[in-house]
Amino acid sequence: MVARLLEKVSSLRRIVKTPEHWDGIVRLAAARGVKLPAQADSKALNDFLVQRKAADPDHFADLSLAVIKLIGPGEYVLERPGDPAQGTLGWRCRITRTRRLRTGALPMW
């Protein structure tokens, strides 16, 4: 019900178009035996993070925090009903929310 209502109003949305330090994320993955593409790829990064969370859940919070820091800051954009979706690395919100819920910190949004 609420989701349908929110589809009809403008909102501010935080997005990340391109990670600031993708090369650092590639090195972080390589240190764990995973090869990520040279160009930023949200699906490849998501697959890596899902695999690492399953393989080493005790250290996943540290890994996800390192990735978030390497991604860099996002930007806020106005999203109006009917606007096309802007390029975004949507996994960032999921990782950030999961990390904050696990640590008890308050979300930024």
PDB file of N, CA and C in Angstrom:
ATOM      1  N   MET A   1       0.823  -1.192   0.000  1.00  0.00           N
ATOM      2  CA  MET A   1       0.000   0.000   0.000  1.00  0.00           C
ATOM      3  C   MET A   1       0.870   1.260   0.000  1.00  0.00           C
ATOM      4  N   VAL A   2       1.799   1.339   0.923  1.00  0.00           N
ATOM      5  CA  VAL A   2       2.662   2.518   1.010  1.00  0.00           C
ATOM      6  C   VAL A   2       3.519   2.637  -0.242  1.00  0.00           C
ATOM      7  N   ALA A   3       4.049   1.510  -0.729  1.00  0.00           N
ATOM      8  CA  ALA A   3       4.892   1.537  -1.928  1.00  0.00           C
ATOM      9  C   ALA A   3       4.137   2.124  -3.117  1.00  0.00           C
ATOM     10  N   ARG A   4       2.879   1.750  -3.266  1.00  0.00           N
ATOM     11  CA  ARG A   4       2.086   2.302  -4.381  1.00  0.00           C
ATOM     12  C   ARG A   4       1.872   3.797  -4.214  1.00  0.00           C
ATOM     13  N   LEU A   5       1.674   4.246  -2.999  1.00  0.00           N
ATOM     14  CA  LEU A   5       1.499   5.669  -2.739  1.00  0.00           C
ATOM     15  C   LEU A   5       2.786   6.435  -3.060  1.00  0.00           C
ATOM     16  N   LEU A   6       3.925   5.881  -2.674  1.00  0.00           N
ATOM     17  CA  LEU A   6       5.202   6.554  -2.894  1.00  0.00           C
ATOM     18  C   LEU A   6       5.593   6.615  -4.361  1.00  0.00           C
ATOM     19  N   GLU A   7       5.067   5.719  -5.189  1.00  0.00           N
ATOM     20  CA  GLU A   7       5.334   5.767  -6.618  1.00  0.00           C
ATOM     21  C   GLU A   7       4.787   7.027  -7.256  1.00  0.00           C
ATOM     22  N   LYS A   8       3.865   7.691  -6.587  1.00  0.00           N
ATOM     23  CA  LYS A   8       3.179   8.851  -7.160  1.00  0.00           C
ATOM     24  C   LYS A   8       3.739  10.177  -6.683  1.00  0.00           C
ATOM     25  N   VAL A   9       4.801  10.164  -5.862  1.00  0.00           N
ATOM     26  CA  VAL A   9       5.369  11.406  -5.350  1.00  0.00           C
ATOM     27  C   VAL A   9       6.850  11.485  -5.695  1.00  0.00           C
ATOM     28  N   SER A  10       7.366  12.711  -5.797  1.00  0.00           N
ATOM     29  CA  SER A  10       8.793  12.912  -6.027  1.00  0.00           C
ATOM     30  C   SER A  10       9.549  12.622  -4.738  1.00  0.00           C
ATOM     31  N   SER A  11      10.800  12.213  -4.893  1.00  0.00           N
ATOM     32  CA  SER A  11      11.615  11.941  -3.714  1.00  0.00           C
ATOM     33  C   SER A  11      13.082  12.175  -4.036  1.00  0.00           C
ATOM     34  N   LEU A  12      13.873  12.346  -2.998  1.00  0.00           N
ATOM     35  CA  LEU A  12      15.319  12.413  -3.157  1.00  0.00           C
ATOM     36  C   LEU A  12      15.863  11.007  -2.978  1.00  0.00           C
ATOM     37  N   ARG A  13      16.789  10.656  -3.846  1.00  0.00           N
ATOM     38  CA  ARG A  13      17.361   9.321  -3.788  1.00  0.00           C
ATOM     39  C   ARG A  13      18.872   9.437  -3.846  1.00  0.00           C
ATOM     40  N   ARG A  14      19.547   8.681  -3.016  1.00  0.00           N
ATOM     41  CA  ARG A  14      21.002   8.689  -3.033  1.00  0.00           C
ATOM     42  C   ARG A  14      21.481   7.591  -3.981  1.00  0.00           C
ATOM     43  N   ILE A  15      22.331   7.963  -4.926  1.00  0.00           N
ATOM     44  CA  ILE A  15      22.829   6.996  -5.897  1.00  0.00           C
ATOM     45  C   ILE A  15      24.348   7.095  -5.992  1.00  0.00           C
ATOM     46  N   VAL A  16      24.945   6.038  -6.503  1.00  0.00           N
ATOM     47  CA  VAL A  16      26.367   6.010  -6.826  1.00  0.00           C
ATOM     48  C   VAL A  16      26.444   5.600  -8.281  1.00  0.00           C
ATOM     49  N   LYS A  17      26.955   6.488  -9.105  1.00  0.00           N
ATOM     50  CA  LYS A  17      27.019   6.171 -10.532  1.00  0.00           C
ATOM     51  C   LYS A  17      28.228   5.298 -10.846  1.00  0.00           C
ATOM     52  N   THR A  18      29.377   5.638 -10.321  1.00  0.00           N
ATOM     53  CA  THR A  18      30.603   4.861 -10.538  1.00  0.00           C
ATOM     54  C   THR A  18      31.417   4.889  -9.252  1.00  0.00           C
ATOM     55  N   PRO A  19      31.883   3.734  -8.794  1.00  0.00           N
ATOM     56  CA  PRO A  19      32.708   3.729  -7.578  1.00  0.00           C
ATOM     57  C   PRO A  19      33.961   4.591  -7.753  1.00  0.00           C
ATOM     58  N   GLU A  20      34.311   5.300  -6.705  1.00  0.00           N
ATOM     59  CA  GLU A  20      35.451   6.205  -6.748  1.00  0.00           C
ATOM     60  C   GLU A  20      36.776   5.446  -6.885  1.00  0.00           C
ATOM     61  N   HIS A  21      36.883   4.310  -6.212  1.00  0.00           N
ATOM     62  CA  HIS A  21      38.141   3.554  -6.196  1.00  0.00           C
ATOM     63  C   HIS A  21      37.893   2.092  -6.589  1.00  0.00           C
ATOM     64  N   TRP A  22      37.368   1.898  -7.801  1.00  0.00           N
ATOM     65  CA  TRP A  22      37.080   0.537  -8.262  1.00  0.00           C
ATOM     66  C   TRP A  22      38.351  -0.314  -8.252  1.00  0.00           C
ATOM     67  N   ASP A  23      39.496   0.287  -8.608  1.00  0.00           N
ATOM     68  CA  ASP A  23      40.746  -0.469  -8.631  1.00  0.00           C
ATOM     69  C   ASP A  23      41.073  -1.042  -7.248  1.00  0.00           C
ATOM     70  N   GLY A  24      40.736  -0.322  -6.191  1.00  0.00           N
ATOM     71  CA  GLY A  24      40.934  -0.827  -4.839  1.00  0.00           C
ATOM     72  C   GLY A  24      40.003  -1.992  -4.531  1.00  0.00           C
ATOM     73  N   ILE A  25      38.789  -1.927  -5.049  1.00  0.00           N
ATOM     74  CA  ILE A  25      37.836  -3.029  -4.853  1.00  0.00           C
ATOM     75  C   ILE A  25      38.330  -4.264  -5.595  1.00  0.00           C
ATOM     76  N   VAL A  26      38.886  -4.058  -6.787  1.00  0.00           N
ATOM     77  CA  VAL A  26      39.440  -5.170  -7.567  1.00  0.00           C
ATOM     78  C   VAL A  26      40.592  -5.819  -6.791  1.00  0.00           C
ATOM     79  N   ARG A  27      41.467  -5.003  -6.188  1.00  0.00           N
ATOM     80  CA  ARG A  27      42.589  -5.547  -5.399  1.00  0.00           C
ATOM     81  C   ARG A  27      42.087  -6.288  -4.162  1.00  0.00           C
ATOM     82  N   LEU A  28      41.059  -5.749  -3.519  1.00  0.00           N
ATOM     83  CA  LEU A  28      40.468  -6.392  -2.342  1.00  0.00           C
ATOM     84  C   LEU A  28      39.926  -7.774  -2.709  1.00  0.00           C
ATOM     85  N   ALA A  29      39.243  -7.867  -3.839  1.00  0.00           N
ATOM     86  CA  ALA A  29      38.709  -9.156  -4.302  1.00  0.00           C
ATOM     87  C   ALA A  29      39.848 -10.100  -4.681  1.00  0.00           C
ATOM     88  N   ALA A  30      40.865  -9.573  -5.355  1.00  0.00           N
ATOM     89  CA  ALA A  30      41.991 -10.407  -5.775  1.00  0.00           C
ATOM     90  C   ALA A  30      42.705 -11.016  -4.577  1.00  0.00           C
ATOM     91  N   ALA A  31      42.782 -10.280  -3.475  1.00  0.00           N
ATOM     92  CA  ALA A  31      43.409 -10.804  -2.261  1.00  0.00           C
ATOM     93  C   ALA A  31      42.633 -11.985  -1.696  1.00  0.00           C
ATOM     94  N   ARG A  32      41.386 -12.121  -2.118  1.00  0.00           N
ATOM     95  CA  ARG A  32      40.544 -13.234  -1.680  1.00  0.00           C
ATOM     96  C   ARG A  32      40.319 -14.254  -2.800  1.00  0.00           C
ATOM     97  N   GLY A  33      41.149 -14.151  -3.855  1.00  0.00           N
ATOM     98  CA  GLY A  33      41.114 -15.129  -4.932  1.00  0.00           C
ATOM     99  C   GLY A  33      40.029 -14.932  -5.963  1.00  0.00           C
ATOM    100  N   VAL A  34      39.439 -13.730  -6.028  1.00  0.00           N
ATOM    101  CA  VAL A  34      38.362 -13.459  -6.986  1.00  0.00           C
ATOM    102  C   VAL A  34      38.821 -12.375  -7.958  1.00  0.00           C
ATOM    103  N   LYS A  35      38.585 -12.604  -9.245  1.00  0.00           N
ATOM    104  CA  LYS A  35      38.947 -11.620 -10.265  1.00  0.00           C
ATOM    105  C   LYS A  35      37.704 -10.845 -10.678  1.00  0.00           C
ATOM    106  N   LEU A  36      37.732  -9.546 -10.416  1.00  0.00           N
ATOM    107  CA  LEU A  36      36.653  -8.661 -10.863  1.00  0.00           C
ATOM    108  C   LEU A  36      37.087  -7.976 -12.156  1.00  0.00           C
ATOM    109  N   PRO A  37      36.140  -7.557 -13.003  1.00  0.00           N
ATOM    110  CA  PRO A  37      36.506  -6.876 -14.249  1.00  0.00           C
ATOM    111  C   PRO A  37      37.177  -5.530 -13.977  1.00  0.00           C
ATOM    112  N   ALA A  38      37.955  -5.063 -14.951  1.00  0.00           N
ATOM    113  CA  ALA A  38      38.671  -3.789 -14.809  1.00  0.00           C
ATOM    114  C   ALA A  38      37.715  -2.606 -14.721  1.00  0.00           C
ATOM    115  N   GLN A  39      36.571  -2.710 -15.384  1.00  0.00           N
ATOM    116  CA  GLN A  39      35.560  -1.650 -15.339  1.00  0.00           C
ATOM    117  C   GLN A  39      34.516  -1.985 -14.276  1.00  0.00           C
ATOM    118  N   ALA A  40      34.019  -0.966 -13.589  1.00  0.00           N
ATOM    119  CA  ALA A  40      33.034  -1.167 -12.527  1.00  0.00           C
ATOM    120  C   ALA A  40      31.845  -1.988 -13.030  1.00  0.00           C
ATOM    121  N   ASP A  41      31.479  -2.986 -12.263  1.00  0.00           N
ATOM    122  CA  ASP A  41      30.402  -3.899 -12.629  1.00  0.00           C
ATOM    123  C   ASP A  41      29.662  -4.278 -11.350  1.00  0.00           C
ATOM    124  N   SER A  42      28.471  -3.724 -11.160  1.00  0.00           N
ATOM    125  CA  SER A  42      27.736  -3.944  -9.909  1.00  0.00           C
ATOM    126  C   SER A  42      27.331  -5.410  -9.737  1.00  0.00           C
ATOM    127  N   LYS A  43      27.009  -6.102 -10.828  1.00  0.00           N
ATOM    128  CA  LYS A  43      26.632  -7.511 -10.701  1.00  0.00           C
ATOM    129  C   LYS A  43      27.820  -8.349 -10.246  1.00  0.00           C
ATOM    130  N   ALA A  44      28.991  -8.118 -10.841  1.00  0.00           N
ATOM    131  CA  ALA A  44      30.184  -8.871 -10.449  1.00  0.00           C
ATOM    132  C   ALA A  44      30.522  -8.605  -8.986  1.00  0.00           C
ATOM    133  N   LEU A  45      30.398  -7.359  -8.569  1.00  0.00           N
ATOM    134  CA  LEU A  45      30.689  -7.033  -7.178  1.00  0.00           C
ATOM    135  C   LEU A  45      29.664  -7.666  -6.252  1.00  0.00           C
ATOM    136  N   ASN A  46      28.414  -7.617  -6.624  1.00  0.00           N
ATOM    137  CA  ASN A  46      27.370  -8.241  -5.820  1.00  0.00           C
ATOM    138  C   ASN A  46      27.613  -9.744  -5.686  1.00  0.00           C
ATOM    139  N   ASP A  47      27.959 -10.395  -6.797  1.00  0.00           N
ATOM    140  CA  ASP A  47      28.236 -11.838  -6.763  1.00  0.00           C
ATOM    141  C   ASP A  47      29.394 -12.140  -5.817  1.00  0.00           C
ATOM    142  N   PHE A  48      30.449 -11.322  -5.885  1.00  0.00           N
ATOM    143  CA  PHE A  48      31.604 -11.491  -4.999  1.00  0.00           C
ATOM    144  C   PHE A  48      31.193 -11.348  -3.534  1.00  0.00           C
ATOM    145  N   LEU A  49      30.404 -10.311  -3.240  1.00  0.00           N
ATOM    146  CA  LEU A  49      30.001 -10.071  -1.848  1.00  0.00           C
ATOM    147  C   LEU A  49      29.084 -11.178  -1.328  1.00  0.00           C
ATOM    148  N   VAL A  50      28.176 -11.649  -2.159  1.00  0.00           N
ATOM    149  CA  VAL A  50      27.292 -12.746  -1.749  1.00  0.00           C
ATOM    150  C   VAL A  50      28.120 -13.992  -1.456  1.00  0.00           C
ATOM    151  N   GLN A  51      29.095 -14.279  -2.316  1.00  0.00           N
ATOM    152  CA  GLN A  51      29.959 -15.445  -2.133  1.00  0.00           C
ATOM    153  C   GLN A  51      30.777 -15.315  -0.850  1.00  0.00           C
ATOM    154  N   ARG A  52      31.330 -14.126  -0.595  1.00  0.00           N
ATOM    155  CA  ARG A  52      32.146 -13.924   0.611  1.00  0.00           C
ATOM    156  C   ARG A  52      31.302 -14.006   1.882  1.00  0.00           C
ATOM    157  N   LYS A  53      30.080 -13.500   1.810  1.00  0.00           N
ATOM    158  CA  LYS A  53      29.209 -13.561   2.988  1.00  0.00           C
ATOM    159  C   LYS A  53      28.904 -15.013   3.344  1.00  0.00           C
ATOM    160  N   ALA A  54      28.675 -15.842   2.329  1.00  0.00           N
ATOM    161  CA  ALA A  54      28.395 -17.259   2.571  1.00  0.00           C
ATOM    162  C   ALA A  54      29.648 -17.986   3.072  1.00  0.00           C
ATOM    163  N   ALA A  55      30.812 -17.629   2.512  1.00  0.00           N
ATOM    164  CA  ALA A  55      32.053 -18.323   2.854  1.00  0.00           C
ATOM    165  C   ALA A  55      32.618 -17.893   4.212  1.00  0.00           C
ATOM    166  N   ASP A  56      32.432 -16.618   4.581  1.00  0.00           N
ATOM    167  CA  ASP A  56      33.047 -16.114   5.811  1.00  0.00           C
ATOM    168  C   ASP A  56      32.143 -15.062   6.471  1.00  0.00           C
ATOM    169  N   PRO A  57      31.008 -15.491   7.009  1.00  0.00           N
ATOM    170  CA  PRO A  57      30.063 -14.526   7.575  1.00  0.00           C
ATOM    171  C   PRO A  57      30.618 -13.736   8.766  1.00  0.00           C
ATOM    172  N   ASP A  58      31.572 -14.307   9.491  1.00  0.00           N
ATOM    173  CA  ASP A  58      32.127 -13.611  10.652  1.00  0.00           C
ATOM    174  C   ASP A  58      32.915 -12.365  10.275  1.00  0.00           C
ATOM    175  N   HIS A  59      33.500 -12.340   9.080  1.00  0.00           N
ATOM    176  CA  HIS A  59      34.304 -11.196   8.662  1.00  0.00           C
ATOM    177  C   HIS A  59      33.643 -10.373   7.559  1.00  0.00           C
ATOM    178  N   PHE A  60      32.395 -10.719   7.219  1.00  0.00           N
ATOM    179  CA  PHE A  60      31.723 -10.015   6.132  1.00  0.00           C
ATOM    180  C   PHE A  60      31.484  -8.539   6.444  1.00  0.00           C
ATOM    181  N   ALA A  61      31.176  -8.221   7.680  1.00  0.00           N
ATOM    182  CA  ALA A  61      30.930  -6.813   8.034  1.00  0.00           C
ATOM    183  C   ALA A  61      32.169  -5.959   7.753  1.00  0.00           C
ATOM    184  N   ASP A  62      33.347  -6.490   8.054  1.00  0.00           N
ATOM    185  CA  ASP A  62      34.583  -5.746   7.786  1.00  0.00           C
ATOM    186  C   ASP A  62      34.821  -5.585   6.289  1.00  0.00           C
ATOM    187  N   LEU A  63      34.569  -6.653   5.537  1.00  0.00           N
ATOM    188  CA  LEU A  63      34.730  -6.585   4.089  1.00  0.00           C
ATOM    189  C   LEU A  63      33.756  -5.592   3.470  1.00  0.00           C
ATOM    190  N   SER A  64      32.492  -5.647   3.880  1.00  0.00           N
ATOM    191  CA  SER A  64      31.497  -4.739   3.284  1.00  0.00           C
ATOM    192  C   SER A  64      31.814  -3.288   3.635  1.00  0.00           C
ATOM    193  N   LEU A  65      32.323  -3.035   4.838  1.00  0.00           N
ATOM    194  CA  LEU A  65      32.706  -1.666   5.208  1.00  0.00           C
ATOM    195  C   LEU A  65      33.863  -1.183   4.334  1.00  0.00           C
ATOM    196  N   ALA A  66      34.843  -2.052   4.095  1.00  0.00           N
ATOM    197  CA  ALA A  66      35.962  -1.680   3.226  1.00  0.00           C
ATOM    198  C   ALA A  66      35.470  -1.346   1.819  1.00  0.00           C
ATOM    199  N   VAL A  67      34.534  -2.143   1.311  1.00  0.00           N
ATOM    200  CA  VAL A  67      33.983  -1.894  -0.024  1.00  0.00           C
ATOM    201  C   VAL A  67      33.234  -0.563  -0.049  1.00  0.00           C
ATOM    202  N   ILE A  68      32.442  -0.307   0.969  1.00  0.00           N
ATOM    203  CA  ILE A  68      31.688   0.947   1.022  1.00  0.00           C
ATOM    204  C   ILE A  68      32.628   2.148   1.016  1.00  0.00           C
ATOM    205  N   LYS A  69      33.704   2.067   1.763  1.00  0.00           N
ATOM    206  CA  LYS A  69      34.678   3.168   1.791  1.00  0.00           C
ATOM    207  C   LYS A  69      35.323   3.360   0.426  1.00  0.00           C
ATOM    208  N   LEU A  70      35.601   2.261  -0.271  1.00  0.00           N
ATOM    209  CA  LEU A  70      36.210   2.360  -1.595  1.00  0.00           C
ATOM    210  C   LEU A  70      35.226   2.870  -2.645  1.00  0.00           C
ATOM    211  N   ILE A  71      33.956   2.603  -2.459  1.00  0.00           N
ATOM    212  CA  ILE A  71      32.950   3.099  -3.401  1.00  0.00           C
ATOM    213  C   ILE A  71      32.941   4.622  -3.404  1.00  0.00           C
ATOM    214  N   GLY A  72      33.067   5.215  -2.239  1.00  0.00           N
ATOM    215  CA  GLY A  72      33.083   6.667  -2.145  1.00  0.00           C
ATOM    216  C   GLY A  72      31.685   7.232  -1.963  1.00  0.00           C
ATOM    217  N   PRO A  73      31.594   8.556  -1.949  1.00  0.00           N
ATOM    218  CA  PRO A  73      30.306   9.193  -1.686  1.00  0.00           C
ATOM    219  C   PRO A  73      29.324   9.054  -2.836  1.00  0.00           C
ATOM    220  N   GLY A  74      28.068   9.060  -2.485  1.00  0.00           N
ATOM    221  CA  GLY A  74      27.012   9.072  -3.484  1.00  0.00           C
ATOM    222  C   GLY A  74      26.581  10.503  -3.732  1.00  0.00           C
ATOM    223  N   GLU A  75      25.562  10.647  -4.520  1.00  0.00           N
ATOM    224  CA  GLU A  75      24.977  11.973  -4.750  1.00  0.00           C
ATOM    225  C   GLU A  75      23.473  11.845  -4.642  1.00  0.00           C
ATOM    226  N   TYR A  76      22.841  12.942  -4.317  1.00  0.00           N
ATOM    227  CA  TYR A  76      21.395  12.952  -4.191  1.00  0.00           C
ATOM    228  C   TYR A  76      20.789  13.486  -5.478  1.00  0.00           C
ATOM    229  N   VAL A  77      19.789  12.778  -5.970  1.00  0.00           N
ATOM    230  CA  VAL A  77      19.097  13.204  -7.182  1.00  0.00           C
ATOM    231  C   VAL A  77      17.595  13.236  -6.908  1.00  0.00           C
ATOM    232  N   LEU A  78      16.916  14.101  -7.626  1.00  0.00           N
ATOM    233  CA  LEU A  78      15.465  14.175  -7.528  1.00  0.00           C
ATOM    234  C   LEU A  78      14.872  13.118  -8.443  1.00  0.00           C
ATOM    235  N   GLU A  79      14.034  12.280  -7.893  1.00  0.00           N
ATOM    236  CA  GLU A  79      13.370  11.245  -8.675  1.00  0.00           C
ATOM    237  C   GLU A  79      11.880  11.570  -8.722  1.00  0.00           C
ATOM    238  N   ARG A  80      11.383  11.805  -9.932  1.00  0.00           N
ATOM    239  CA  ARG A  80       9.973  12.129 -10.117  1.00  0.00           C
ATOM    240  C   ARG A  80       9.236  10.905 -10.649  1.00  0.00           C
ATOM    241  N   PRO A  81       7.948  10.822 -10.374  1.00  0.00           N
ATOM    242  CA  PRO A  81       7.175   9.702 -10.922  1.00  0.00           C
ATOM    243  C   PRO A  81       7.299   9.666 -12.451  1.00  0.00           C
ATOM    244  N   GLY A  82       7.584   8.499 -12.986  1.00  0.00           N
ATOM    245  CA  GLY A  82       7.687   8.346 -14.429  1.00  0.00           C
ATOM    246  C   GLY A  82       9.071   8.613 -14.992  1.00  0.00           C
ATOM    247  N   ASP A  83       9.994   9.181 -14.194  1.00  0.00           N
ATOM    248  CA  ASP A  83      11.354   9.398 -14.671  1.00  0.00           C
ATOM    249  C   ASP A  83      12.033   8.050 -14.900  1.00  0.00           C
ATOM    250  N   PRO A  84      12.899   7.963 -15.915  1.00  0.00           N
ATOM    251  CA  PRO A  84      13.653   6.708 -16.089  1.00  0.00           C
ATOM    252  C   PRO A  84      14.623   6.540 -14.930  1.00  0.00           C
ATOM    253  N   ALA A  85      14.898   5.297 -14.564  1.00  0.00           N
ATOM    254  CA  ALA A  85      15.827   5.019 -13.466  1.00  0.00           C
ATOM    255  C   ALA A  85      17.217   5.497 -13.852  1.00  0.00           C
ATOM    256  N   GLN A  86      17.884   6.146 -12.929  1.00  0.00           N
ATOM    257  CA  GLN A  86      19.242   6.607 -13.177  1.00  0.00           C
ATOM    258  C   GLN A  86      20.207   5.488 -12.854  1.00  0.00           C
ATOM    259  N   GLY A  87      21.356   5.506 -13.524  1.00  0.00           N
ATOM    260  CA  GLY A  87      22.373   4.495 -13.262  1.00  0.00           C
ATOM    261  C   GLY A  87      22.764   4.510 -11.803  1.00  0.00           C
ATOM    262  N   THR A  88      22.729   3.375 -11.183  1.00  0.00           N
ATOM    263  CA  THR A  88      23.045   3.313  -9.766  1.00  0.00           C
ATOM    264  C   THR A  88      23.591   1.946  -9.417  1.00  0.00           C
ATOM    265  N   LEU A  89      24.363   1.905  -8.396  1.00  0.00           N
ATOM    266  CA  LEU A  89      24.832   0.638  -7.843  1.00  0.00           C
ATOM    267  C   LEU A  89      23.947   0.350  -6.651  1.00  0.00           C
ATOM    268  N   GLY A  90      22.789  -0.217  -6.909  1.00  0.00           N
ATOM    269  CA  GLY A  90      21.766  -0.389  -5.889  1.00  0.00           C
ATOM    270  C   GLY A  90      22.181  -1.258  -4.728  1.00  0.00           C
ATOM    271  N   TRP A  91      23.158  -2.129  -4.921  1.00  0.00           N
ATOM    272  CA  TRP A  91      23.595  -2.990  -3.830  1.00  0.00           C
ATOM    273  C   TRP A  91      24.173  -2.207  -2.682  1.00  0.00           C
ATOM    274  N   ARG A  92      24.629  -0.988  -2.917  1.00  0.00           N
ATOM    275  CA  ARG A  92      25.236  -0.230  -1.842  1.00  0.00           C
ATOM    276  C   ARG A  92      24.254  -0.008  -0.705  1.00  0.00           C
ATOM    277  N   CYS A  93      23.021   0.318  -1.036  1.00  0.00           N
ATOM    278  CA  CYS A  93      22.017   0.557   0.003  1.00  0.00           C
ATOM    279  C   CYS A  93      21.769  -0.701   0.812  1.00  0.00           C
ATOM    280  N   ARG A  94      21.703  -1.842   0.147  1.00  0.00           N
ATOM    281  CA  ARG A  94      21.467  -3.091   0.870  1.00  0.00           C
ATOM    282  C   ARG A  94      22.621  -3.396   1.816  1.00  0.00           C
ATOM    283  N   ILE A  95      23.857  -3.228   1.343  1.00  0.00           N
ATOM    284  CA  ILE A  95      25.016  -3.512   2.184  1.00  0.00           C
ATOM    285  C   ILE A  95      25.051  -2.549   3.357  1.00  0.00           C
ATOM    286  N   THR A  96      24.858  -1.274   3.091  1.00  0.00           N
ATOM    287  CA  THR A  96      24.910  -0.278   4.149  1.00  0.00           C
ATOM    288  C   THR A  96      23.828  -0.553   5.180  1.00  0.00           C
ATOM    289  N   ARG A  97      22.628  -0.825   4.740  1.00  0.00           N
ATOM    290  CA  ARG A  97      21.526  -1.089   5.660  1.00  0.00           C
ATOM    291  C   ARG A  97      21.823  -2.325   6.493  1.00  0.00           C
ATOM    292  N   THR A  98      22.332  -3.386   5.863  1.00  0.00           N
ATOM    293  CA  THR A  98      22.655  -4.617   6.587  1.00  0.00           C
ATOM    294  C   THR A  98      23.726  -4.346   7.627  1.00  0.00           C
ATOM    295  N   ARG A  99      24.748  -3.640   7.264  1.00  0.00           N
ATOM    296  CA  ARG A  99      25.843  -3.329   8.201  1.00  0.00           C
ATOM    297  C   ARG A  99      25.313  -2.537   9.383  1.00  0.00           C
ATOM    298  N   ARG A 100      24.516  -1.538   9.123  1.00  0.00           N
ATOM    299  CA  ARG A 100      24.024  -0.702  10.217  1.00  0.00           C
ATOM    300  C   ARG A 100      23.079  -1.480  11.122  1.00  0.00           C
ATOM    301  N   LEU A 101      22.287  -2.365  10.541  1.00  0.00           N
ATOM    302  CA  LEU A 101      21.387  -3.164  11.365  1.00  0.00           C
ATOM    303  C   LEU A 101      22.179  -4.119  12.251  1.00  0.00           C
ATOM    304  N   ARG A 102      23.256  -4.687  11.706  1.00  0.00           N
ATOM    305  CA  ARG A 102      24.072  -5.614  12.497  1.00  0.00           C
ATOM    306  C   ARG A 102      24.809  -4.895  13.612  1.00  0.00           C
ATOM    307  N   THR A 103      25.262  -3.654  13.371  1.00  0.00           N
ATOM    308  CA  THR A 103      26.049  -2.943  14.362  1.00  0.00           C
ATOM    309  C   THR A 103      25.186  -2.081  15.286  1.00  0.00           C
ATOM    310  N   GLY A 104      23.922  -1.925  14.935  1.00  0.00           N
ATOM    311  CA  GLY A 104      23.023  -1.118  15.753  1.00  0.00           C
ATOM    312  C   GLY A 104      23.089   0.365  15.458  1.00  0.00           C
ATOM    313  N   ALA A 105      23.893   0.765  14.468  1.00  0.00           N
ATOM    314  CA  ALA A 105      23.987   2.183  14.128  1.00  0.00           C
ATOM    315  C   ALA A 105      22.712   2.622  13.415  1.00  0.00           C
ATOM    316  N   LEU A 106      22.413   3.893  13.519  1.00  0.00           N
ATOM    317  CA  LEU A 106      21.219   4.424  12.870  1.00  0.00           C
ATOM    318  C   LEU A 106      21.472   4.613  11.380  1.00  0.00           C
ATOM    319  N   PRO A 107      20.505   4.315  10.540  1.00  0.00           N
ATOM    320  CA  PRO A 107      20.669   4.540   9.100  1.00  0.00           C
ATOM    321  C   PRO A 107      20.772   6.024   8.799  1.00  0.00           C
ATOM    322  N   MET A 108      21.455   6.329   7.687  1.00  0.00           N
ATOM    323  CA  MET A 108      21.644   7.724   7.284  1.00  0.00           C
ATOM    324  C   MET A 108      20.418   8.286   6.582  1.00  0.00           C
ATOM    325  N   TRP A 109      19.495   7.442   6.148  1.00  0.00           N
ATOM    326  CA  TRP A 109      18.342   7.939   5.414  1.00  0.00           C
ATOM    327  C   TRP A 109      17.093   7.777   6.198  1.00  0.00           C
TER     328      TRP A 109
END
